[in-house]
Amino acid sequence: MSLDEKNIRPSPIAGTWYSRNPQVLSAEIQSYLDRASLPEIQAEVIGLVAPHAGYRYSGPTAGYAYRAVMGKKFDIVAVFSPYHAYIREPVITTGHSAYQTPLGIVPVAEKPLHEFMENMQQKKFHVYEITFDGEHSLEIQLPFLQTALAGTFQLFPLMIRTHEIIEIEMIAQAAAAVLKGKKVLLVASTDLSHFYDEATAYRLDEEMLKRIASFSPEKVLEAEKKGIAFACGAGAVAAVLRTAQLLGGKTVQVLHHSTSGEETGDHSSVVGYGAAIIEQ
């Protein structure tokens, strides 16, 4: 069945956050994957934590996360991200049937997504649908997925604004219910601390990555609330961690950390990036 071209979300960030040229883009991503050197991975990877800045800044760290699933085949990839513009609703999804990137079209997993929305509606929890959004943090994972994974996949996209653990639990329970039994990869899209000097950024990011590694959604959200560590996608990370637990995830391993200062040379005000995997 061909997709209705009017219902495909065009990329608002190709040509700025990453290259619009498919050959250049593919080669750049492949270079990040090739440069990533991973520790031994003991079990099946079912989830990733990956950054979402422009590729020149966070691409090298993202390469570590995606290297862990390179050549793997998944039927559905659930990407949970923040939503940086203001919308009141705590959870947002796309109203489109597909996303467009320079590397091709990624179809949305519409049936599981609708089942998720119905499940949430039964809990009196409205999931807001948006079209032609400008959100970069979800889309920027797609070319990496298109390059690293074998074959095609469907996208289960959620943009999560809530940082409340009760709501995170509801989201995770509903997502796990519709994804269980399917060949699924979970992806949490987040950057870490923003605009601290590099020494401070390293300290803050170490704390957040330690909390992610503890596989505790509560500890990730607690760090943000106490102001002792930061992740702009803390809600997305917490939701992915909890969903992964419900789908059989057992451990989290941090693979890499970097800052924007390594690209810009400006170490006085940096953004932190981390990569991690969730193993079954």
Protein backbone atom coordinates (compact mmCIF):
# COMPACT_ATOMS: atom_id res chain seq x y z
CA MET A 1 0.00 0.00 0.00
CA SER A 2 1.49 3.33 -1.02
CA LEU A 3 1.57 6.14 1.49
CA ASP A 4 -0.41 9.30 0.90
CA GLU A 5 2.28 11.88 0.10
CA LYS A 6 0.21 14.54 1.84
CA ASN A 7 0.46 12.60 5.10
CA ILE A 8 4.26 12.21 5.11
CA ARG A 9 6.06 14.52 7.55
CA PRO A 10 8.77 16.37 5.60
CA SER A 11 12.06 16.97 7.39
CA PRO A 12 12.36 20.52 8.76
CA ILE A 13 16.00 19.96 9.83
CA ALA A 14 17.70 18.29 6.85
CA GLY A 15 20.35 20.69 5.59
CA THR A 16 20.92 22.25 9.01
CA TRP A 17 21.11 19.62 11.75
CA TYR A 18 22.44 17.08 9.28
CA SER A 19 23.24 16.94 5.57
CA ARG A 20 20.44 17.08 3.01
CA ASN A 21 22.59 15.06 0.58
CA PRO A 22 21.85 11.33 1.08
CA GLN A 23 25.33 10.17 0.04
CA VAL A 24 27.08 12.66 2.31
CA LEU A 25 24.69 11.88 5.17
CA SER A 26 25.08 8.13 4.86
CA ALA A 27 28.88 8.38 4.71
CA GLU A 28 28.99 10.68 7.75
CA ILE A 29 26.84 8.33 9.85
CA GLN A 30 28.86 5.32 8.72
CA SER A 31 32.04 7.07 9.81
CA TYR A 32 30.61 7.53 13.32
CA LEU A 33 29.60 3.87 13.45
CA ASP A 34 33.03 2.74 12.24
CA ARG A 35 34.87 4.85 14.80
CA ALA A 36 32.90 3.54 17.78
CA SER A 37 34.76 0.87 19.74
CA LEU A 38 32.46 -1.05 22.06
CA PRO A 39 33.08 -3.15 25.17
CA GLU A 40 31.81 -6.72 25.15
CA ILE A 41 28.03 -6.89 25.02
CA GLN A 42 26.76 -9.92 26.92
CA ALA A 43 23.09 -10.05 25.94
CA GLU A 44 20.55 -8.94 23.37
CA VAL A 45 20.22 -5.16 23.09
CA ILE A 46 16.60 -4.02 23.34
CA GLY A 47 17.11 -0.32 24.01
CA LEU A 48 19.39 2.66 23.41
CA VAL A 49 19.98 6.07 24.91
CA ALA A 50 21.33 8.44 22.23
CA PRO A 51 21.90 12.21 21.92
CA HIS A 52 20.07 14.50 19.54
CA ALA A 53 22.22 17.51 18.69
CA GLY A 54 23.46 18.35 15.20
CA TYR A 55 25.55 15.46 13.94
CA ARG A 56 28.83 17.38 13.96
CA TYR A 57 28.41 17.77 17.73
CA SER A 58 26.77 14.57 18.98
CA GLY A 59 27.19 12.18 16.04
CA PRO A 60 30.39 10.59 17.38
CA THR A 61 28.65 9.67 20.66
CA ALA A 62 25.46 8.54 18.92
CA GLY A 63 27.66 6.23 16.87
CA TYR A 64 28.44 4.22 20.01
CA ALA A 65 24.76 3.57 20.72
CA TYR A 66 23.93 2.59 17.16
CA ARG A 67 27.07 0.49 16.69
CA ALA A 68 25.56 -1.83 19.33
CA VAL A 69 22.63 -2.67 17.01
CA MET A 70 24.39 -2.38 13.65
CA GLY A 71 23.14 -5.01 11.23
CA LYS A 72 20.27 -6.02 13.52
CA LYS A 73 16.67 -6.29 12.30
CA PHE A 74 13.72 -4.86 14.21
CA ASP A 75 10.10 -4.71 13.10
CA ILE A 76 9.30 -1.64 15.21
CA VAL A 77 11.52 1.07 16.65
CA ALA A 78 9.93 3.04 19.49
CA VAL A 79 11.63 6.43 19.71
CA PHE A 80 10.76 8.42 22.84
CA SER A 81 11.99 12.02 22.80
CA PRO A 82 11.29 15.35 24.48
CA TYR A 83 9.29 18.09 22.77
CA HIS A 84 11.15 21.38 22.97
CA ALA A 85 8.38 23.79 21.97
CA TYR A 86 5.57 24.50 24.41
CA ILE A 87 2.48 22.34 24.20
CA ARG A 88 0.40 21.75 27.28
CA GLU A 89 -0.22 18.03 26.78
CA PRO A 90 2.14 15.64 28.58
CA VAL A 91 2.44 13.16 25.69
CA ILE A 92 2.53 13.91 21.96
CA THR A 93 2.66 11.69 18.90
CA THR A 94 2.61 12.29 15.18
CA GLY A 95 -0.54 12.67 13.13
CA HIS A 96 1.42 11.64 10.04
CA SER A 97 1.62 8.14 8.59
CA ALA A 98 5.37 8.42 7.84
CA TYR A 99 8.51 10.52 8.37
CA GLN A 100 10.72 11.65 5.48
CA THR A 101 14.50 11.92 5.73
CA PRO A 102 17.10 12.23 2.95
CA LEU A 103 17.61 8.44 3.31
CA GLY A 104 13.97 7.62 2.57
CA ILE A 105 10.58 7.22 4.17
CA VAL A 106 9.99 5.67 7.60
CA PRO A 107 6.40 4.44 8.00
CA VAL A 108 4.64 4.89 11.32
CA ALA A 109 3.44 1.78 13.17
CA GLU A 110 -0.12 3.05 13.03
CA LYS A 111 -1.96 0.03 14.48
CA PRO A 112 0.16 -0.29 17.65
CA LEU A 113 0.16 3.50 18.02
CA HIS A 114 -3.63 3.69 17.82
CA GLU A 115 -3.92 0.83 20.32
CA PHE A 116 -1.58 2.73 22.65
CA MET A 117 -3.68 5.88 22.33
CA GLU A 118 -6.89 3.95 23.03
CA ASN A 119 -5.27 2.35 26.08
CA MET A 120 -4.23 5.77 27.37
CA GLN A 121 -7.68 7.21 26.64
CA GLN A 122 -9.23 4.50 28.81
CA LYS A 123 -7.04 5.82 31.62
CA LYS A 124 -8.36 9.36 30.93
CA PHE A 125 -4.95 10.29 29.52
CA HIS A 126 -5.13 12.14 26.19
CA VAL A 127 -2.28 11.69 23.69
CA TYR A 128 -2.02 14.79 21.52
CA GLU A 129 -1.45 14.29 17.79
CA ILE A 130 0.65 16.86 15.95
CA THR A 131 1.44 17.40 12.28
CA PHE A 132 4.22 19.32 10.52
CA ASP A 133 6.03 19.80 13.81
CA GLY A 134 9.56 21.16 13.97
CA GLU A 135 10.82 18.83 16.70
CA HIS A 136 14.38 17.70 15.98
CA SER A 137 15.02 15.29 18.83
CA LEU A 138 12.88 12.46 17.49
CA GLU A 139 13.65 12.87 13.80
CA ILE A 140 17.40 13.10 14.29
CA GLN A 141 17.50 9.45 15.39
CA LEU A 142 15.97 8.25 12.12
CA PRO A 143 18.94 8.51 9.69
CA PHE A 144 21.09 6.64 12.24
CA LEU A 145 18.44 3.92 12.39
CA GLN A 146 18.12 3.84 8.61
CA THR A 147 21.89 3.41 8.28
CA ALA A 148 22.64 1.05 11.17
CA LEU A 149 19.73 -1.38 11.05
CA ALA A 150 19.21 -4.16 8.55
CA GLY A 151 16.04 -3.90 6.49
CA THR A 152 13.09 -1.63 7.06
CA PHE A 153 11.22 -0.86 10.27
CA GLN A 154 8.09 0.92 11.45
CA LEU A 155 8.30 3.87 13.82
CA PHE A 156 6.44 4.16 17.13
CA PRO A 157 7.03 7.85 17.97
CA LEU A 158 6.29 9.47 21.33
CA MET A 159 7.32 12.94 22.46
CA ILE A 160 7.13 13.07 26.24
CA ARG A 161 6.80 16.30 28.18
CA THR A 162 5.80 14.88 31.55
CA HIS A 163 8.41 14.21 34.23
CA GLU A 164 5.88 12.80 36.70
CA ILE A 165 6.59 9.19 37.65
CA ILE A 166 2.90 8.24 37.88
CA GLU A 167 2.33 9.40 34.31
CA ILE A 168 5.59 7.80 33.13
CA GLU A 169 4.36 4.50 34.57
CA MET A 170 1.06 4.80 32.68
CA ILE A 171 2.89 5.53 29.43
CA ALA A 172 5.27 2.61 29.91
CA GLN A 173 2.51 0.17 30.81
CA ALA A 174 0.48 1.15 27.73
CA ALA A 175 3.52 1.04 25.43
CA ALA A 176 4.69 -2.32 26.73
CA ALA A 177 1.20 -3.77 26.30
CA VAL A 178 1.15 -3.02 22.55
CA LEU A 179 4.84 -3.77 21.89
CA LYS A 180 5.12 -7.03 23.80
CA GLY A 181 5.84 -10.05 21.60
CA LYS A 182 7.12 -7.91 18.73
CA LYS A 183 10.74 -7.47 17.60
CA VAL A 184 11.18 -4.00 19.10
CA LEU A 185 14.04 -1.58 19.71
CA LEU A 186 13.47 1.21 22.25
CA VAL A 187 15.34 4.50 21.78
CA ALA A 188 15.49 7.33 24.33
CA SER A 189 16.55 10.59 22.71
CA THR A 190 18.25 13.00 25.10
CA ASP A 191 21.13 15.37 25.55
CA LEU A 192 22.61 15.91 29.01
CA SER A 193 23.69 19.14 30.76
CA HIS A 194 23.42 22.43 28.87
CA PHE A 195 25.76 25.44 28.87
CA TYR A 196 27.97 24.76 31.88
CA ASP A 197 31.74 24.93 31.72
CA GLU A 198 33.23 21.59 30.74
CA ALA A 199 34.43 20.56 34.21
CA THR A 200 30.95 21.18 35.65
CA ALA A 201 29.33 19.44 32.70
CA TYR A 202 31.45 16.33 33.25
CA ARG A 203 30.43 16.23 36.92
CA LEU A 204 26.73 16.69 36.20
CA ASP A 205 26.74 14.25 33.29
CA GLU A 206 28.56 11.60 35.31
CA GLU A 207 25.77 11.76 37.88
CA MET A 208 23.01 11.48 35.28
CA LEU A 209 24.72 8.62 33.45
CA LYS A 210 25.21 6.83 36.77
CA ARG A 211 21.47 7.11 37.39
CA ILE A 212 20.66 5.87 33.89
CA ALA A 213 23.05 2.95 34.44
CA SER A 214 21.21 2.09 37.66
CA PHE A 215 18.17 1.32 35.46
CA SER A 216 15.99 3.51 37.68
CA PRO A 217 13.39 5.81 36.09
CA GLU A 218 12.78 7.33 39.51
CA LYS A 219 16.44 8.25 40.03
CA VAL A 220 16.64 9.90 36.59
CA LEU A 221 13.61 12.07 37.33
CA GLU A 222 14.80 12.77 40.90
CA ALA A 223 18.11 14.17 39.62
CA GLU A 224 16.29 16.70 37.44
CA LYS A 225 13.93 17.74 40.25
CA LYS A 226 16.79 18.18 42.72
CA GLY A 227 18.96 20.02 40.18
CA ILE A 228 21.91 17.67 40.66
CA ALA A 229 22.00 16.32 37.08
CA PHE A 230 20.20 17.17 33.87
CA ALA A 231 18.80 15.60 30.72
CA CYS A 232 16.41 17.49 28.46
CA GLY A 233 14.81 14.14 27.63
CA ALA A 234 14.60 12.92 31.24
CA GLY A 235 10.93 12.00 30.79
CA ALA A 236 11.73 10.08 27.61
CA VAL A 237 14.62 8.27 29.28
CA ALA A 238 12.50 7.35 32.28
CA ALA A 239 9.72 6.05 30.02
CA VAL A 240 12.13 3.96 27.95
CA LEU A 241 13.78 2.51 31.05
CA ARG A 242 10.43 1.52 32.53
CA THR A 243 9.10 0.15 29.22
CA ALA A 244 12.30 -1.87 28.83
CA GLN A 245 11.87 -3.31 32.32
CA LEU A 246 8.35 -4.42 31.41
CA LEU A 247 9.68 -6.02 28.20
CA GLY A 248 12.41 -7.99 29.95
CA GLY A 249 15.33 -5.56 30.10
CA LYS A 250 17.84 -6.45 32.82
CA THR A 251 20.85 -4.12 32.69
CA VAL A 252 21.99 -0.75 31.33
CA GLN A 253 25.54 -0.14 30.14
CA VAL A 254 26.91 3.35 29.45
CA LEU A 255 29.11 3.35 26.34
CA HIS A 256 30.32 6.90 25.79
CA HIS A 257 30.25 10.52 26.92
CA SER A 258 31.36 13.70 25.17
CA THR A 259 30.62 17.40 25.06
CA SER A 260 30.16 19.96 22.31
CA GLY A 261 33.48 21.50 23.37
CA GLU A 262 35.31 18.65 21.67
CA GLU A 263 33.95 19.90 18.33
CA THR A 264 33.82 23.66 18.90
CA GLY A 265 36.94 24.10 21.02
CA ASP A 266 34.90 26.29 23.39
CA HIS A 267 35.05 24.61 26.81
CA SER A 268 33.44 27.50 28.71
CA SER A 269 29.85 26.61 27.77
CA VAL A 270 29.11 23.11 26.53
CA VAL A 271 26.33 20.58 26.00
CA GLY A 272 26.83 17.02 27.20
CA TYR A 273 26.06 13.87 25.22
CA GLY A 274 25.82 10.26 26.40
CA ALA A 275 25.26 6.86 24.81
CA ALA A 276 23.98 3.75 26.59
CA ILE A 277 22.38 0.40 25.83
CA ILE A 278 19.71 -1.66 27.59
CA GLU A 279 20.35 -5.39 27.54
CA GLN A 280 17.86 -8.20 28.00
